[in-house]
Amino acid sequence: MLTSSGASKPNQRAIEQYEQQLAQNALGGFSAASDLAACLLPLLKSLGWKGDPRHVAESLPHFANDLDLTGIRNVLATLNYSSRPEKLSLETIDHRLLPCLFLPDGQPAMVVKAVDDEGHAEVFDSSEGASRSLDVRGLKGTAYFFTNQSADGSAPRPANWFKSVLERFRPLYWQAFFVTLILNVFSLSTPLFVMAVYDKVIGASSHSMLAALSIGVTVALVADAVLREVRARVLAFVGARLDNIMGNNIFQHILALPPGFTERATIGAQVARIKDFESVREF
């Protein structure tokens, strides 16, 4: 019979191995092919994340080596870290907000660990793959600050996980809203053109006015088509991301249910739990 101390030894060894891999900026078969992917493990180390290494592996997307900005923010969100961007000059950053992920204008991403009063910072430079001191005076870009949403950093999900997932795409929701508003205005161009032709062009026999109105309505129709394409791409991206993220979240929540909810339930009942979310996905 295993004691509690004996049972905790494998997990402790896994955590020690994970910490060694973090120190070497390596985790299993993960290798960084982009600057943001290179910043992932140093950022986790700087944030002091002490969770189960399995959660890191499960949070990575399929093509983890080529992480983009959305991917790395989703990985940190899965590990229970909320993020917010802010454009600033690195020398003016508040020390209390560090560490952070910094994307300099026209340069590779870096992890900023500390900044002193003289304008020198300790950073992890993704282009060199190592930590170094950097003069940040005049260096501008976008900083991403991460906040642990749980007192226990090993918690794989926040309690309001559905709301936190939706909050990630709030800027895209507003973009789709304003694009739809503009499209509704452009939809009036055709009836207004017809009214103007009957009221102004035919009565005055003005060919120059007809040409001006035709150019105007053509521009409006072209802009309408372009904006509809933009809106379709935004909605398709958000829909695909929500489908993927929510699917993974729901499956992990089902796996985390107490044994009584799964062992005593039939397969049909367990499948029905998953299908209950079909209406949410279709929405």
C-alpha atoms as a PDB file:
ATOM      1  CA  MET A   1       0.000   0.000   0.000  1.00  0.00           C
ATOM      2  CA  LEU A   2       1.415   3.342  -1.071  1.00  0.00           C
ATOM      3  CA  THR A   3       1.637   6.117   1.462  1.00  0.00           C
ATOM      4  CA  SER A   4       0.788   9.709   0.610  1.00  0.00           C
ATOM      5  CA  SER A   5       4.487  10.645   0.641  1.00  0.00           C
ATOM      6  CA  GLY A   6       5.341   7.726  -1.638  1.00  0.00           C
ATOM      7  CA  ALA A   7       2.534   8.646  -4.037  1.00  0.00           C
ATOM      8  CA  SER A   8       3.730  12.224  -4.243  1.00  0.00           C
ATOM      9  CA  LYS A   9       7.299  11.276  -5.180  1.00  0.00           C
ATOM     10  CA  PRO A  10       6.582  10.654  -8.918  1.00  0.00           C
ATOM     11  CA  ASN A  11       4.815  14.010  -9.204  1.00  0.00           C
ATOM     12  CA  GLN A  12       7.662  15.714  -7.340  1.00  0.00           C
ATOM     13  CA  ARG A  13      10.187  14.169  -9.704  1.00  0.00           C
ATOM     14  CA  ALA A  14       8.098  15.330 -12.659  1.00  0.00           C
ATOM     15  CA  ILE A  15       8.027  18.857 -11.293  1.00  0.00           C
ATOM     16  CA  GLU A  16      11.801  18.832 -10.720  1.00  0.00           C
ATOM     17  CA  GLN A  17      12.350  17.577 -14.258  1.00  0.00           C
ATOM     18  CA  TYR A  18       9.978  20.255 -15.537  1.00  0.00           C
ATOM     19  CA  GLU A  19      11.911  22.957 -13.667  1.00  0.00           C
ATOM     20  CA  GLN A  20      15.167  21.690 -15.201  1.00  0.00           C
ATOM     21  CA  GLN A  21      13.598  21.807 -18.647  1.00  0.00           C
ATOM     22  CA  LEU A  22      12.353  25.336 -17.992  1.00  0.00           C
ATOM     23  CA  ALA A  23      15.857  26.352 -16.960  1.00  0.00           C
ATOM     24  CA  GLN A  24      17.068  25.056 -20.338  1.00  0.00           C
ATOM     25  CA  ASN A  25      14.035  26.552 -22.177  1.00  0.00           C
ATOM     26  CA  ALA A  26      12.975  23.110 -23.395  1.00  0.00           C
ATOM     27  CA  LEU A  27       9.954  20.957 -22.706  1.00  0.00           C
ATOM     28  CA  GLY A  28       9.660  17.493 -24.195  1.00  0.00           C
ATOM     29  CA  GLY A  29       9.714  17.706 -27.986  1.00  0.00           C
ATOM     30  CA  PHE A  30       8.798  21.376 -28.001  1.00  0.00           C
ATOM     31  CA  SER A  31      11.275  23.486 -29.949  1.00  0.00           C
ATOM     32  CA  ALA A  32      10.812  27.138 -30.810  1.00  0.00           C
ATOM     33  CA  ALA A  33      10.624  28.057 -34.491  1.00  0.00           C
ATOM     34  CA  SER A  34       9.273  31.583 -33.923  1.00  0.00           C
ATOM     35  CA  ASP A  35      10.223  34.397 -31.583  1.00  0.00           C
ATOM     36  CA  LEU A  36       6.962  34.096 -29.637  1.00  0.00           C
ATOM     37  CA  ALA A  37       7.382  30.335 -29.265  1.00  0.00           C
ATOM     38  CA  ALA A  38      10.889  30.941 -27.908  1.00  0.00           C
ATOM     39  CA  CYS A  39       9.424  33.283 -25.270  1.00  0.00           C
ATOM     40  CA  LEU A  40       6.844  30.809 -23.929  1.00  0.00           C
ATOM     41  CA  LEU A  41       8.935  28.798 -21.469  1.00  0.00           C
ATOM     42  CA  PRO A  42      11.044  31.746 -20.239  1.00  0.00           C
ATOM     43  CA  LEU A  43       7.810  33.660 -19.667  1.00  0.00           C
ATOM     44  CA  LEU A  44       6.339  30.810 -17.632  1.00  0.00           C
ATOM     45  CA  LYS A  45       9.535  30.617 -15.624  1.00  0.00           C
ATOM     46  CA  SER A  46       9.536  34.377 -14.984  1.00  0.00           C
ATOM     47  CA  LEU A  47       5.884  34.310 -13.940  1.00  0.00           C
ATOM     48  CA  GLY A  48       6.730  31.659 -11.362  1.00  0.00           C
ATOM     49  CA  TRP A  49       4.252  29.119 -12.636  1.00  0.00           C
ATOM     50  CA  LYS A  50       4.449  25.954 -10.488  1.00  0.00           C
ATOM     51  CA  GLY A  51       1.704  23.797 -11.936  1.00  0.00           C
ATOM     52  CA  ASP A  52       1.753  20.304 -13.367  1.00  0.00           C
ATOM     53  CA  PRO A  53       3.950  20.000 -16.495  1.00  0.00           C
ATOM     54  CA  ARG A  54       1.132  18.021 -18.104  1.00  0.00           C
ATOM     55  CA  HIS A  55      -1.013  21.172 -18.166  1.00  0.00           C
ATOM     56  CA  VAL A  56       1.630  22.954 -20.255  1.00  0.00           C
ATOM     57  CA  ALA A  57       1.735  20.135 -22.785  1.00  0.00           C
ATOM     58  CA  GLU A  58      -2.076  20.013 -22.976  1.00  0.00           C
ATOM     59  CA  SER A  59      -2.287  23.771 -23.458  1.00  0.00           C
ATOM     60  CA  LEU A  60      -0.034  23.834 -26.516  1.00  0.00           C
ATOM     61  CA  PRO A  61      -1.706  23.853 -29.947  1.00  0.00           C
ATOM     62  CA  HIS A  62      -0.940  21.165 -32.500  1.00  0.00           C
ATOM     63  CA  PHE A  63       1.711  23.271 -34.286  1.00  0.00           C
ATOM     64  CA  ALA A  64       3.259  24.565 -31.081  1.00  0.00           C
ATOM     65  CA  ASN A  65       6.667  25.353 -32.566  1.00  0.00           C
ATOM     66  CA  ASP A  66       5.198  28.195 -34.656  1.00  0.00           C
ATOM     67  CA  LEU A  67       3.228  29.953 -31.937  1.00  0.00           C
ATOM     68  CA  ASP A  68       1.750  33.317 -32.915  1.00  0.00           C
ATOM     69  CA  LEU A  69       0.505  36.051 -30.596  1.00  0.00           C
ATOM     70  CA  THR A  70      -3.006  34.614 -30.353  1.00  0.00           C
ATOM     71  CA  GLY A  71      -1.573  31.167 -29.672  1.00  0.00           C
ATOM     72  CA  ILE A  72       0.699  32.207 -26.818  1.00  0.00           C
ATOM     73  CA  ARG A  73      -2.091  34.244 -25.193  1.00  0.00           C
ATOM     74  CA  ASN A  74      -4.412  31.266 -25.441  1.00  0.00           C
ATOM     75  CA  VAL A  75      -1.786  28.986 -23.878  1.00  0.00           C
ATOM     76  CA  LEU A  76      -1.389  31.377 -20.939  1.00  0.00           C
ATOM     77  CA  ALA A  77      -5.164  31.749 -20.666  1.00  0.00           C
ATOM     78  CA  THR A  78      -5.502  27.977 -20.505  1.00  0.00           C
ATOM     79  CA  LEU A  79      -2.986  28.020 -17.666  1.00  0.00           C
ATOM     80  CA  ASN A  80      -5.228  30.557 -15.892  1.00  0.00           C
ATOM     81  CA  TYR A  81      -3.405  33.795 -16.791  1.00  0.00           C
ATOM     82  CA  SER A  82      -5.384  36.708 -18.158  1.00  0.00           C
ATOM     83  CA  SER A  83      -3.551  39.120 -20.449  1.00  0.00           C
ATOM     84  CA  ARG A  84      -3.943  42.731 -21.498  1.00  0.00           C
ATOM     85  CA  PRO A  85      -1.917  44.667 -24.100  1.00  0.00           C
ATOM     86  CA  GLU A  86      -0.612  48.212 -23.748  1.00  0.00           C
ATOM     87  CA  LYS A  87       1.477  50.295 -26.144  1.00  0.00           C
ATOM     88  CA  LEU A  88       4.254  52.076 -24.286  1.00  0.00           C
ATOM     89  CA  SER A  89       7.906  52.993 -24.099  1.00  0.00           C
ATOM     90  CA  LEU A  90       9.732  50.283 -22.191  1.00  0.00           C
ATOM     91  CA  GLU A  91      11.718  52.714 -20.034  1.00  0.00           C
ATOM     92  CA  THR A  92       8.438  54.088 -18.572  1.00  0.00           C
ATOM     93  CA  ILE A  93       7.021  50.714 -17.587  1.00  0.00           C
ATOM     94  CA  ASP A  94       5.821  50.218 -14.014  1.00  0.00           C
ATOM     95  CA  HIS A  95       8.174  47.780 -12.266  1.00  0.00           C
ATOM     96  CA  ARG A  96       5.248  46.224 -10.403  1.00  0.00           C
ATOM     97  CA  LEU A  97       3.803  44.906 -13.677  1.00  0.00           C
ATOM     98  CA  LEU A  98       6.866  42.848 -14.549  1.00  0.00           C
ATOM     99  CA  PRO A  99       7.569  40.295 -15.883  1.00  0.00           C
ATOM    100  CA  CYS A 100       5.819  40.840 -19.189  1.00  0.00           C
ATOM    101  CA  LEU A 101       5.960  39.857 -22.848  1.00  0.00           C
ATOM    102  CA  PHE A 102       7.210  42.774 -24.946  1.00  0.00           C
ATOM    103  CA  LEU A 103       6.906  43.125 -28.722  1.00  0.00           C
ATOM    104  CA  PRO A 104       9.216  45.946 -29.870  1.00  0.00           C
ATOM    105  CA  ASP A 105       8.304  47.748 -33.081  1.00  0.00           C
ATOM    106  CA  GLY A 106      10.077  45.941 -35.911  1.00  0.00           C
ATOM    107  CA  GLN A 107      12.060  43.612 -33.631  1.00  0.00           C
ATOM    108  CA  PRO A 108      11.630  40.051 -32.258  1.00  0.00           C
ATOM    109  CA  ALA A 109       9.630  39.481 -29.084  1.00  0.00           C
ATOM    110  CA  MET A 110      11.294  39.388 -25.683  1.00  0.00           C
ATOM    111  CA  VAL A 111      10.472  38.641 -22.050  1.00  0.00           C
ATOM    112  CA  VAL A 112      11.188  41.628 -19.800  1.00  0.00           C
ATOM    113  CA  LYS A 113      12.117  40.499 -16.304  1.00  0.00           C
ATOM    114  CA  ALA A 114      13.261  43.745 -14.644  1.00  0.00           C
ATOM    115  CA  VAL A 115      14.008  47.380 -15.530  1.00  0.00           C
ATOM    116  CA  ASP A 116      16.220  49.650 -13.441  1.00  0.00           C
ATOM    117  CA  ASP A 117      16.069  53.428 -13.055  1.00  0.00           C
ATOM    118  CA  GLU A 118      18.930  53.960 -15.508  1.00  0.00           C
ATOM    119  CA  GLY A 119      17.006  52.485 -18.446  1.00  0.00           C
ATOM    120  CA  HIS A 120      18.647  49.064 -18.474  1.00  0.00           C
ATOM    121  CA  ALA A 121      16.532  45.910 -18.471  1.00  0.00           C
ATOM    122  CA  GLU A 122      17.116  42.230 -17.895  1.00  0.00           C
ATOM    123  CA  VAL A 123      15.382  40.488 -20.774  1.00  0.00           C
ATOM    124  CA  PHE A 124      15.183  37.136 -22.500  1.00  0.00           C
ATOM    125  CA  ASP A 125      16.043  37.861 -26.116  1.00  0.00           C
ATOM    126  CA  SER A 126      14.245  35.415 -28.423  1.00  0.00           C
ATOM    127  CA  SER A 127      16.609  36.184 -31.309  1.00  0.00           C
ATOM    128  CA  GLU A 128      19.611  35.039 -29.252  1.00  0.00           C
ATOM    129  CA  GLY A 129      17.779  32.465 -27.135  1.00  0.00           C
ATOM    130  CA  ALA A 130      19.394  33.727 -23.939  1.00  0.00           C
ATOM    131  CA  SER A 131      18.988  36.311 -21.197  1.00  0.00           C
ATOM    132  CA  ARG A 132      20.973  39.531 -21.411  1.00  0.00           C
ATOM    133  CA  SER A 133      21.040  43.146 -20.304  1.00  0.00           C
ATOM    134  CA  LEU A 134      19.529  45.638 -22.733  1.00  0.00           C
ATOM    135  CA  ASP A 135      19.435  49.424 -22.972  1.00  0.00           C
ATOM    136  CA  VAL A 136      15.709  50.117 -23.386  1.00  0.00           C
ATOM    137  CA  ARG A 137      15.800  53.913 -23.582  1.00  0.00           C
ATOM    138  CA  GLY A 138      13.649  54.947 -26.527  1.00  0.00           C
ATOM    139  CA  LEU A 139      12.488  51.373 -27.176  1.00  0.00           C
ATOM    140  CA  LYS A 140       8.763  51.394 -27.977  1.00  0.00           C
ATOM    141  CA  GLY A 141       6.306  48.601 -28.632  1.00  0.00           C
ATOM    142  CA  THR A 142       3.418  46.641 -27.140  1.00  0.00           C
ATOM    143  CA  ALA A 143       3.672  45.021 -23.717  1.00  0.00           C
ATOM    144  CA  TYR A 144       1.437  42.135 -22.665  1.00  0.00           C
ATOM    145  CA  PHE A 145       0.876  41.882 -18.921  1.00  0.00           C
ATOM    146  CA  PHE A 146      -0.266  38.585 -17.422  1.00  0.00           C
ATOM    147  CA  THR A 147      -2.237  38.161 -14.197  1.00  0.00           C
ATOM    148  CA  ASN A 148      -2.788  34.879 -12.406  1.00  0.00           C
ATOM    149  CA  GLN A 149      -6.548  34.439 -12.041  1.00  0.00           C
ATOM    150  CA  SER A 150      -6.287  31.836  -9.304  1.00  0.00           C
ATOM    151  CA  ALA A 151      -4.553  31.750  -5.946  1.00  0.00           C
ATOM    152  CA  ASP A 152      -3.386  28.257  -6.872  1.00  0.00           C
ATOM    153  CA  GLY A 153      -1.294  28.473  -9.993  1.00  0.00           C
ATOM    154  CA  SER A 154      -1.747  24.768 -10.678  1.00  0.00           C
ATOM    155  CA  ALA A 155      -5.490  25.131 -11.272  1.00  0.00           C
ATOM    156  CA  PRO A 156      -6.106  24.280 -14.915  1.00  0.00           C
ATOM    157  CA  ARG A 157      -9.248  26.400 -15.316  1.00  0.00           C
ATOM    158  CA  PRO A 158     -10.880  29.430 -13.674  1.00  0.00           C
ATOM    159  CA  ALA A 159     -14.395  29.056 -12.313  1.00  0.00           C
ATOM    160  CA  ASN A 160     -15.907  31.372 -14.952  1.00  0.00           C
ATOM    161  CA  TRP A 161     -14.075  29.689 -17.808  1.00  0.00           C
ATOM    162  CA  PHE A 162     -16.815  30.381 -20.390  1.00  0.00           C
ATOM    163  CA  LYS A 163     -16.779  34.119 -19.718  1.00  0.00           C
ATOM    164  CA  SER A 164     -12.981  34.195 -19.774  1.00  0.00           C
ATOM    165  CA  VAL A 165     -12.980  32.506 -23.197  1.00  0.00           C
ATOM    166  CA  LEU A 166     -15.417  35.064 -24.605  1.00  0.00           C
ATOM    167  CA  GLU A 167     -13.402  37.938 -23.151  1.00  0.00           C
ATOM    168  CA  ARG A 168     -10.398  36.944 -25.276  1.00  0.00           C
ATOM    169  CA  PHE A 169     -12.256  37.923 -28.453  1.00  0.00           C
ATOM    170  CA  ARG A 170     -13.910  41.147 -27.247  1.00  0.00           C
ATOM    171  CA  PRO A 171     -11.966  43.386 -29.705  1.00  0.00           C
ATOM    172  CA  LEU A 172     -13.078  41.181 -32.603  1.00  0.00           C
ATOM    173  CA  TYR A 173     -16.708  41.405 -31.438  1.00  0.00           C
ATOM    174  CA  TRP A 174     -16.514  45.197 -31.544  1.00  0.00           C
ATOM    175  CA  GLN A 175     -14.899  45.107 -34.975  1.00  0.00           C
ATOM    176  CA  ALA A 176     -17.703  42.919 -36.313  1.00  0.00           C
ATOM    177  CA  PHE A 177     -20.275  45.227 -34.696  1.00  0.00           C
ATOM    178  CA  PHE A 178     -18.897  48.403 -36.286  1.00  0.00           C
ATOM    179  CA  VAL A 179     -18.450  46.720 -39.653  1.00  0.00           C
ATOM    180  CA  THR A 180     -22.100  45.612 -39.531  1.00  0.00           C
ATOM    181  CA  LEU A 181     -23.144  49.163 -38.634  1.00  0.00           C
ATOM    182  CA  ILE A 182     -21.277  50.565 -41.636  1.00  0.00           C
ATOM    183  CA  LEU A 183     -22.746  47.871 -43.895  1.00  0.00           C
ATOM    184  CA  ASN A 184     -26.242  48.907 -42.842  1.00  0.00           C
ATOM    185  CA  VAL A 185     -25.431  52.467 -43.896  1.00  0.00           C
ATOM    186  CA  PHE A 186     -24.025  51.292 -47.243  1.00  0.00           C
ATOM    187  CA  SER A 187     -27.176  49.254 -47.865  1.00  0.00           C
ATOM    188  CA  LEU A 188     -29.043  52.558 -48.293  1.00  0.00           C
ATOM    189  CA  SER A 189     -26.858  53.543 -51.250  1.00  0.00           C
ATOM    190  CA  THR A 190     -28.891  51.704 -53.905  1.00  0.00           C
ATOM    191  CA  PRO A 191     -32.363  53.034 -52.950  1.00  0.00           C
ATOM    192  CA  LEU A 192     -30.925  56.543 -52.516  1.00  0.00           C
ATOM    193  CA  PHE A 193     -29.316  56.280 -55.967  1.00  0.00           C
ATOM    194  CA  VAL A 194     -32.627  55.287 -57.572  1.00  0.00           C
ATOM    195  CA  MET A 195     -34.462  58.121 -55.803  1.00  0.00           C
ATOM    196  CA  ALA A 196     -31.831  60.644 -56.907  1.00  0.00           C
ATOM    197  CA  VAL A 197     -32.035  59.479 -60.520  1.00  0.00           C
ATOM    198  CA  TYR A 198     -35.821  59.951 -60.635  1.00  0.00           C
ATOM    199  CA  ASP A 199     -35.835  63.229 -58.694  1.00  0.00           C
ATOM    200  CA  LYS A 200     -32.733  64.985 -60.043  1.00  0.00           C
ATOM    201  CA  VAL A 201     -31.312  63.333 -63.146  1.00  0.00           C
ATOM    202  CA  ILE A 202     -34.455  62.618 -65.202  1.00  0.00           C
ATOM    203  CA  GLY A 203     -36.152  65.911 -64.344  1.00  0.00           C
ATOM    204  CA  ALA A 204     -33.082  68.041 -65.095  1.00  0.00           C
ATOM    205  CA  SER A 205     -31.638  65.780 -67.825  1.00  0.00           C
ATOM    206  CA  SER A 206     -28.258  66.181 -66.112  1.00  0.00           C
ATOM    207  CA  HIS A 207     -25.774  63.638 -67.433  1.00  0.00           C
ATOM    208  CA  SER A 208     -22.972  64.990 -65.260  1.00  0.00           C
ATOM    209  CA  MET A 209     -25.036  64.388 -62.119  1.00  0.00           C
ATOM    210  CA  LEU A 210     -25.813  60.865 -63.314  1.00  0.00           C
ATOM    211  CA  ALA A 211     -22.092  60.157 -63.748  1.00  0.00           C
ATOM    212  CA  ALA A 212     -21.312  61.516 -60.263  1.00  0.00           C
ATOM    213  CA  LEU A 213     -24.090  59.463 -58.681  1.00  0.00           C
ATOM    214  CA  SER A 214     -22.959  56.345 -60.553  1.00  0.00           C
ATOM    215  CA  ILE A 215     -19.382  56.747 -59.320  1.00  0.00           C
ATOM    216  CA  GLY A 216     -20.632  57.298 -55.780  1.00  0.00           C
ATOM    217  CA  VAL A 217     -22.885  54.245 -55.706  1.00  0.00           C
ATOM    218  CA  THR A 218     -20.134  52.115 -57.318  1.00  0.00           C
ATOM    219  CA  VAL A 219     -17.684  53.096 -54.571  1.00  0.00           C
ATOM    220  CA  ALA A 220     -20.313  52.312 -51.945  1.00  0.00           C
ATOM    221  CA  LEU A 221     -21.031  48.873 -53.449  1.00  0.00           C
ATOM    222  CA  VAL A 222     -17.328  48.000 -53.686  1.00  0.00           C
ATOM    223  CA  ALA A 223     -16.781  49.072 -50.065  1.00  0.00           C
ATOM    224  CA  ASP A 224     -19.829  47.032 -49.089  1.00  0.00           C
ATOM    225  CA  ALA A 225     -18.384  43.908 -50.727  1.00  0.00           C
ATOM    226  CA  VAL A 226     -14.974  44.415 -49.088  1.00  0.00           C
ATOM    227  CA  LEU A 227     -16.459  44.954 -45.629  1.00  0.00           C
ATOM    228  CA  ARG A 228     -18.680  41.892 -45.986  1.00  0.00           C
ATOM    229  CA  GLU A 229     -15.579  39.836 -46.763  1.00  0.00           C
ATOM    230  CA  VAL A 230     -13.794  41.299 -43.730  1.00  0.00           C
ATOM    231  CA  ARG A 231     -16.751  40.542 -41.477  1.00  0.00           C
ATOM    232  CA  ALA A 232     -17.014  37.004 -42.813  1.00  0.00           C
ATOM    233  CA  ARG A 233     -13.317  36.390 -42.083  1.00  0.00           C
ATOM    234  CA  VAL A 234     -13.598  37.820 -38.558  1.00  0.00           C
ATOM    235  CA  LEU A 235     -16.663  35.729 -37.735  1.00  0.00           C
ATOM    236  CA  ALA A 236     -15.099  32.611 -39.254  1.00  0.00           C
ATOM    237  CA  PHE A 237     -11.929  33.096 -37.202  1.00  0.00           C
ATOM    238  CA  VAL A 238     -13.831  33.700 -33.953  1.00  0.00           C
ATOM    239  CA  GLY A 239     -16.165  30.781 -34.618  1.00  0.00           C
ATOM    240  CA  ALA A 240     -13.318  28.363 -35.338  1.00  0.00           C
ATOM    241  CA  ARG A 241     -11.319  29.495 -32.283  1.00  0.00           C
ATOM    242  CA  LEU A 242     -14.347  29.265 -29.976  1.00  0.00           C
ATOM    243  CA  ASP A 243     -15.205  25.843 -31.347  1.00  0.00           C
ATOM    244  CA  ASN A 244     -11.679  24.593 -30.661  1.00  0.00           C
ATOM    245  CA  ILE A 245     -11.225  26.236 -27.247  1.00  0.00           C
ATOM    246  CA  MET A 246     -14.683  25.390 -25.927  1.00  0.00           C
ATOM    247  CA  GLY A 247     -14.417  21.833 -27.200  1.00  0.00           C
ATOM    248  CA  ASN A 248     -11.174  21.320 -25.296  1.00  0.00           C
ATOM    249  CA  ASN A 249     -12.560  23.054 -22.198  1.00  0.00           C
ATOM    250  CA  ILE A 250     -15.739  21.001 -22.159  1.00  0.00           C
ATOM    251  CA  PHE A 251     -13.848  17.742 -22.637  1.00  0.00           C
ATOM    252  CA  GLN A 252     -11.430  18.546 -19.807  1.00  0.00           C
ATOM    253  CA  HIS A 253     -14.291  19.554 -17.513  1.00  0.00           C
ATOM    254  CA  ILE A 254     -15.975  16.234 -18.194  1.00  0.00           C
ATOM    255  CA  LEU A 255     -12.733  14.401 -17.437  1.00  0.00           C
ATOM    256  CA  ALA A 256     -12.441  16.371 -14.183  1.00  0.00           C
ATOM    257  CA  LEU A 257     -15.895  15.351 -12.962  1.00  0.00           C
ATOM    258  CA  PRO A 258     -16.046  13.281  -9.755  1.00  0.00           C
ATOM    259  CA  PRO A 259     -16.055   9.524 -10.392  1.00  0.00           C
ATOM    260  CA  GLY A 260     -19.675   9.284  -9.277  1.00  0.00           C
ATOM    261  CA  PHE A 261     -20.791  11.359 -12.270  1.00  0.00           C
ATOM    262  CA  THR A 262     -19.107   9.056 -14.788  1.00  0.00           C
ATOM    263  CA  GLU A 263     -18.985   5.578 -13.281  1.00  0.00           C
ATOM    264  CA  ARG A 264     -22.707   5.464 -12.507  1.00  0.00           C
ATOM    265  CA  ALA A 265     -23.794   7.112 -15.755  1.00  0.00           C
ATOM    266  CA  THR A 266     -24.423   5.232 -18.976  1.00  0.00           C
ATOM    267  CA  ILE A 267     -22.514   6.014 -22.138  1.00  0.00           C
ATOM    268  CA  GLY A 268     -25.641   7.601 -23.584  1.00  0.00           C
ATOM    269  CA  ALA A 269     -25.950   9.931 -20.606  1.00  0.00           C
ATOM    270  CA  GLN A 270     -22.303  10.968 -20.914  1.00  0.00           C
ATOM    271  CA  VAL A 271     -22.698  11.645 -24.641  1.00  0.00           C
ATOM    272  CA  ALA A 272     -25.840  13.661 -23.891  1.00  0.00           C
ATOM    273  CA  ARG A 273     -23.803  15.940 -21.623  1.00  0.00           C
ATOM    274  CA  ILE A 274     -21.548  16.796 -24.527  1.00  0.00           C
ATOM    275  CA  LYS A 275     -24.462  17.305 -26.932  1.00  0.00           C
ATOM    276  CA  ASP A 276     -26.052  19.764 -24.505  1.00  0.00           C
ATOM    277  CA  PHE A 277     -23.424  22.242 -25.668  1.00  0.00           C
ATOM    278  CA  GLU A 278     -24.332  21.892 -29.362  1.00  0.00           C
ATOM    279  CA  SER A 279     -26.761  24.805 -29.118  1.00  0.00           C
ATOM    280  CA  VAL A 280     -24.011  26.992 -27.643  1.00  0.00           C
ATOM    281  CA  ARG A 281     -21.615  26.052 -30.441  1.00  0.00           C
ATOM    282  CA  GLU A 282     -24.223  26.700 -33.136  1.00  0.00           C
ATOM    283  CA  PHE A 283     -24.899  30.121 -31.638  1.00  0.00           C
END
